[in-house]
Protein backbone atom coordinates (compact mmCIF):
# COMPACT_ATOMS: atom_id res chain seq x y z
CA MET A 1 132.76 28.16 40.35
CA LYS A 2 132.15 26.37 43.65
CA THR A 3 128.49 25.87 44.57
CA PRO A 4 127.66 28.26 47.44
CA ALA A 5 126.48 26.81 50.74
CA ILE A 6 123.70 29.38 50.99
CA SER A 7 120.88 28.99 48.48
CA LEU A 8 118.19 31.50 47.59
CA GLU A 9 115.61 29.02 48.84
CA ALA A 10 117.32 28.91 52.24
CA LEU A 11 117.29 32.72 52.45
CA LEU A 12 113.58 32.78 51.61
CA VAL A 13 112.93 30.21 54.33
CA LEU A 14 114.89 32.19 56.93
CA ASP A 15 113.01 35.34 55.97
CA ALA A 16 109.63 33.63 56.27
CA ILE A 17 110.41 32.05 59.65
CA GLU A 18 111.70 35.32 61.10
CA THR A 19 108.75 37.27 59.71
CA ARG A 20 106.01 34.82 60.75
CA GLY A 21 107.64 33.73 64.01
CA SER A 22 107.29 29.96 63.63
CA TYR A 23 108.03 27.11 61.26
CA ALA A 24 104.34 26.29 60.91
CA ALA A 25 103.33 29.82 59.92
CA ALA A 26 106.30 30.13 57.56
CA ALA A 27 105.45 26.79 55.95
CA GLU A 28 101.91 28.01 55.31
CA GLN A 29 103.27 31.18 53.68
CA LEU A 30 105.66 29.23 51.45
CA ASN A 31 103.15 26.46 50.71
CA LYS A 32 105.42 23.82 52.21
CA VAL A 33 105.20 21.42 55.14
CA PRO A 34 107.04 22.44 58.35
CA SER A 35 109.36 19.44 58.14
CA ALA A 36 110.66 20.66 54.76
CA LEU A 37 111.60 24.00 56.31
CA SER A 38 113.26 22.27 59.26
CA TYR A 39 115.33 20.18 56.87
CA ILE A 40 116.48 23.25 54.87
CA VAL A 41 117.49 25.13 58.04
CA GLN A 42 119.23 22.09 59.54
CA LYS A 43 121.17 21.47 56.32
CA LEU A 44 122.25 25.12 56.17
CA GLU A 45 123.38 25.06 59.80
CA GLU A 46 125.44 21.94 59.13
CA GLN A 47 127.08 23.44 56.05
CA LEU A 48 127.95 26.67 57.86
CA ASN A 49 128.63 24.98 61.22
CA VAL A 50 126.49 27.54 63.06
CA THR A 51 123.18 27.70 64.94
CA LEU A 52 120.71 30.02 63.22
CA PHE A 53 117.58 29.70 65.37
CA GLN A 54 116.85 29.11 69.02
CA ARG A 55 113.50 28.43 70.66
CA GLN A 56 111.84 31.00 72.92
CA GLY A 57 108.55 29.42 73.89
CA ARG A 58 106.69 28.69 70.68
CA ARG A 59 108.67 31.22 68.66
CA ALA A 60 111.78 30.53 66.60
CA VAL A 61 114.20 33.39 67.26
CA LEU A 62 117.34 34.13 65.27
CA THR A 63 120.72 33.88 66.94
CA PRO A 64 123.23 36.73 66.36
CA ALA A 65 124.73 34.70 63.51
CA GLY A 66 121.27 34.10 62.10
CA LYS A 67 120.40 37.80 62.30
CA HIS A 68 123.54 38.70 60.37
CA LEU A 69 122.89 36.06 57.72
CA LEU A 70 119.30 37.18 57.22
CA SER A 71 120.19 40.88 57.18
CA GLU A 72 122.76 40.37 54.43
CA GLY A 73 120.63 37.73 52.76
CA ARG A 74 117.73 40.13 52.35
CA LYS A 75 120.06 42.41 50.41
CA VAL A 76 120.84 39.48 48.11
CA LEU A 77 117.13 38.73 47.64
CA SER A 78 116.45 42.37 46.86
CA ALA A 79 119.32 42.43 44.36
CA ILE A 80 117.99 39.27 42.69
CA ASN A 81 114.54 40.82 42.35
CA THR A 82 116.06 43.98 40.90
CA LEU A 83 118.16 41.92 38.47
CA SER A 84 115.06 40.05 37.32
CA GLU A 85 113.14 43.28 36.77
CA GLN A 86 116.04 44.89 34.91
CA THR A 87 116.47 41.85 32.67
CA GLN A 88 112.80 41.97 31.71
CA THR A 89 113.07 45.73 31.25
CA ILE A 90 116.02 45.43 28.85
CA ALA A 91 114.30 42.66 26.89
CA ASN A 92 111.37 45.03 26.33
CA GLY A 93 113.60 47.86 25.07
CA TRP A 94 113.89 49.79 28.35
CA GLU A 95 117.43 50.56 29.50
CA PRO A 96 118.41 49.73 33.12
CA LYS A 97 120.10 53.10 33.72
CA ILE A 98 119.87 56.64 32.33
CA ARG A 99 122.70 59.15 32.89
CA LEU A 100 121.92 62.86 33.00
CA ALA A 101 124.09 65.97 33.07
CA CYS A 102 122.42 69.15 34.30
CA ASP A 103 124.12 72.48 33.83
CA SER A 104 124.73 74.34 37.05
CA ILE A 105 122.45 77.17 35.90
CA MET A 106 119.33 74.97 35.85
CA ASP A 107 116.66 74.91 38.56
CA ILE A 108 117.25 71.35 39.75
CA LYS A 109 113.97 71.25 41.71
CA THR A 110 111.96 71.43 38.50
CA ILE A 111 114.06 68.69 36.92
CA PHE A 112 113.70 66.44 39.96
CA ASN A 113 109.92 66.86 39.87
CA GLY A 114 109.94 65.49 36.34
CA ILE A 115 112.29 62.64 37.26
CA LYS A 116 110.08 61.75 40.22
CA GLY A 117 107.11 61.30 37.89
CA PHE A 118 109.21 59.13 35.58
CA LEU A 119 110.45 56.90 38.42
CA ALA A 120 106.92 56.43 39.74
CA ALA A 121 106.12 54.55 36.53
CA HIS A 122 109.56 52.99 35.96
CA HIS A 123 110.98 52.24 39.41
CA SER A 124 113.46 49.61 38.19
CA ILE A 125 115.37 52.11 36.02
CA GLU A 126 118.30 53.79 37.77
CA ILE A 127 118.97 57.49 37.26
CA ASP A 128 122.47 58.98 37.54
CA VAL A 129 122.51 62.80 37.73
CA GLN A 130 125.70 64.85 37.57
CA GLU A 131 126.37 68.58 37.51
CA GLN A 132 128.35 70.18 34.69
CA VAL A 133 129.14 73.74 33.63
CA MET A 134 129.03 75.27 30.13
CA ASN A 135 131.20 73.34 27.63
CA GLY A 136 131.52 70.56 30.20
CA THR A 137 127.82 69.82 29.70
CA TRP A 138 128.23 69.32 25.95
CA GLU A 139 131.49 67.43 26.41
CA ALA A 140 129.83 64.89 28.70
CA LEU A 141 127.33 64.08 25.93
CA ILE A 142 129.89 64.00 23.11
CA ASP A 143 132.16 61.68 25.12
CA ASP A 144 129.23 59.33 25.91
CA ARG A 145 129.55 59.91 29.64
CA VAL A 146 125.85 60.80 29.79
CA ASP A 147 122.75 60.01 27.76
CA LEU A 148 120.99 63.35 28.14
CA VAL A 149 122.05 66.92 28.92
CA ILE A 150 119.73 69.55 30.35
CA GLY A 151 120.39 73.27 30.26
CA ALA A 152 123.37 73.11 27.91
CA PRO A 153 124.11 76.67 26.72
CA ALA A 154 124.18 77.93 23.15
CA PRO A 155 125.80 77.43 20.75
CA VAL A 156 125.00 73.79 19.98
CA PRO A 157 128.23 71.99 18.96
CA ASN A 158 128.69 71.31 15.27
CA GLN A 159 128.69 67.60 15.93
CA LYS A 160 126.86 65.00 13.84
CA GLY A 161 124.32 62.84 15.61
CA ILE A 162 123.22 65.31 18.30
CA ARG A 163 119.56 66.26 18.64
CA ALA A 164 119.00 69.47 20.61
CA ILE A 165 115.80 71.31 21.51
CA LYS A 166 115.57 74.72 23.12
CA ILE A 167 113.99 74.48 26.56
CA ALA A 168 114.56 77.90 28.10
CA GLU A 169 116.18 81.31 27.94
CA LEU A 170 118.64 82.30 30.64
CA ASN A 171 118.21 85.83 31.92
CA SER A 172 121.20 86.80 34.05
CA VAL A 173 121.49 89.93 36.17
CA LEU A 174 124.54 91.54 37.72
CA VAL A 175 124.31 91.43 41.51
CA VAL A 176 126.25 92.53 44.58
CA ASN A 177 125.67 91.94 48.26
CA LYS A 178 123.66 94.49 50.20
CA ALA A 179 126.73 96.19 51.71
CA HIS A 180 128.71 96.53 48.47
CA GLU A 181 129.69 100.07 47.46
CA LEU A 182 128.37 99.55 43.92
CA SER A 183 124.85 99.44 45.33
CA LEU A 184 125.24 103.15 46.18
CA ILE A 185 126.50 104.27 42.76
CA LYS A 186 124.14 106.12 40.44
CA GLN A 187 122.56 103.75 37.93
CA PRO A 188 122.54 102.70 35.14
CA ILE A 189 126.20 101.68 35.47
CA LYS A 190 128.59 101.47 32.54
CA LEU A 191 130.65 98.30 32.12
CA GLU A 192 133.94 100.19 32.40
CA GLN A 193 132.95 101.22 35.94
CA LEU A 194 133.09 97.55 36.99
CA SER A 195 136.71 96.84 36.06
CA GLY A 196 138.08 97.60 39.52
CA TYR A 197 135.87 95.07 41.30
CA ARG A 198 136.52 91.36 41.84
CA ASN A 199 134.38 89.18 39.54
CA VAL A 200 133.08 85.81 40.82
CA VAL A 201 133.16 83.33 37.91
CA VAL A 202 132.07 79.69 37.56
CA HIS A 203 134.71 77.42 36.03
CA ASP A 204 133.82 75.60 32.83
CA SER A 205 133.86 71.88 33.68
CA ALA A 206 135.18 70.80 30.25
CA GLN A 207 138.07 68.36 30.56
CA HIS A 208 139.23 68.06 26.95
CA GLN A 209 137.65 70.87 24.95
CA ILE A 210 138.79 74.45 25.40
CA PRO A 211 136.94 75.75 28.47
CA TRP A 212 135.21 79.08 28.34
CA SER A 213 133.44 81.38 30.72
CA VAL A 214 130.66 83.87 30.11
CA ASN A 215 129.80 87.16 31.76
CA MET A 216 133.41 87.86 32.70
CA ILE A 217 134.13 91.52 33.40
CA ALA A 218 137.14 92.83 31.49
CA GLY A 219 139.97 94.24 33.55
CA SER A 220 138.79 92.86 36.88
CA GLN A 221 140.30 90.29 39.23
CA HIS A 222 138.58 86.92 39.21
CA PHE A 223 137.47 84.55 41.94
CA PHE A 224 136.74 81.13 40.45
CA VAL A 225 134.21 78.63 41.84
CA SER A 226 132.75 75.33 40.62
CA SER A 227 128.98 75.93 40.63
CA ILE A 228 126.23 78.54 40.59
CA ALA A 229 125.33 77.68 44.19
CA ILE A 230 128.87 78.45 45.39
CA LYS A 231 128.99 81.58 43.24
CA THR A 232 125.78 82.82 44.85
CA ALA A 233 127.17 82.20 48.33
CA ALA A 234 130.43 83.98 47.45
CA ILE A 235 128.62 87.08 46.23
CA ILE A 236 126.34 87.15 49.28
CA ALA A 237 129.48 86.92 51.44
CA GLY A 238 130.85 90.03 49.73
CA ILE A 239 133.78 88.34 47.98
CA GLY A 240 132.92 89.89 44.65
CA ILE A 241 130.29 90.73 42.07
CA GLY A 242 128.85 88.60 39.30
CA TYR A 243 126.04 87.64 36.97
CA LEU A 244 123.49 85.12 38.23
CA PRO A 245 120.28 83.61 36.78
CA LYS A 246 117.50 85.83 38.08
CA ASN A 247 115.05 82.95 38.58
CA LEU A 248 117.48 81.15 40.91
CA ILE A 249 118.16 84.12 43.17
CA GLN A 250 114.73 85.74 43.39
CA ASP A 251 114.44 84.88 47.10
CA HIS A 252 117.82 86.51 47.82
CA ILE A 253 116.76 89.62 45.90
CA GLU A 254 113.46 89.89 47.75
CA SER A 255 115.18 89.39 51.12
CA GLY A 256 117.67 92.15 50.34
CA GLU A 257 120.74 89.89 50.52
CA LEU A 258 121.49 90.60 46.86
CA ILE A 259 121.11 93.89 45.00
CA VAL A 260 120.52 93.91 41.23
CA LEU A 261 122.58 96.52 39.40
CA LYS A 262 121.04 98.22 36.39
CA LEU A 263 123.51 98.42 33.51
CA ALA A 264 123.65 100.82 30.62
CA GLU A 265 124.21 97.79 28.35
CA GLU A 266 122.16 94.80 29.50
CA ARG A 267 123.21 91.32 28.39
CA PRO A 268 120.85 89.50 25.97
CA PRO A 269 119.27 86.25 27.21
CA GLN A 270 121.08 83.00 26.43
CA ASP A 271 119.37 79.97 24.88
CA LEU A 272 119.49 76.72 26.85
CA PHE A 273 119.06 73.27 25.33
CA MET A 274 118.19 69.70 26.17
CA ALA A 275 120.17 67.34 23.96
CA TRP A 276 120.89 63.67 23.31
CA LYS A 277 122.44 61.46 20.64
CA ILE A 278 120.02 60.25 17.97
CA THR A 279 121.59 56.79 18.07
CA ASN A 280 120.24 56.35 21.61
CA LYS A 281 116.80 54.88 21.04
CA GLY A 282 116.07 53.57 24.54
CA LYS A 283 112.41 53.73 25.53
CA GLY A 284 113.30 55.08 28.95
CA LEU A 285 115.30 57.98 27.54
CA ASN A 286 112.54 58.87 25.08
CA LYS A 287 109.94 58.82 27.84
CA LEU A 288 112.12 60.95 30.12
CA ILE A 289 112.76 63.47 27.34
CA THR A 290 109.02 63.82 26.81
CA ILE A 291 108.41 64.40 30.52
CA LEU A 292 111.26 66.87 31.03
CA SER A 293 110.40 68.87 27.92
CA ARG A 294 107.07 69.70 29.58
CA CYS A 295 108.59 70.85 32.88
């Protein structure tokens, strides 16, 4: 590989001169003599065949070319610092990146509060969060596309090497928008009375396993969406009816946008799990599991 014309030392010098405003002040910051800085800048200008600084009174001011070089160079310096931190982190048993899959039914605000606390103590670890639905959540873990799943629904797959802990129970209620005719029907309502109404259903995000959907109403037309958020919006818009997690739609219920229907046969709550592979022994993952299990 050809030796690059731009060295890290040169970028540090440019940064110091631009920040401090003069060669003398920059030299003091870098614990060098001004002539050493002048030599580094002059050599860089010769190698690139550009002028990087021009004098304005006593100040050394970057030219347009110099501004561009420093702007991009600071990104390189930041990346180098991050690389150094990540290398030290890995050497100490802390992984550089943790991948999470959250089921669409989870309250993401609560999860983010936990992640925020984790990142405050481990800022060099990257977090990658993706949304999955039902079997897609488990599939992402089984296929090693994520390190941790949150809110994966029961049942836990019969797969060796998976550790799962129950973190919540999902209580879903059947809702319609405030103008829907079902809101005027005498309650409790029998399930067979719902068959003539369009049912809004969230697609299972599984790519390889057999997808499945819960809370589907037999005999009704279906309107499929990709997330709980879109399902909520569709029901509010009057497109159809559907089951939604009560804790996620409490504001819509209190505002009157959504009406909860009382059923003659209520659905039992569904267990939700946080799960990971026992072969993953990263310190970061273990710390994050501890934090999120308390949320």
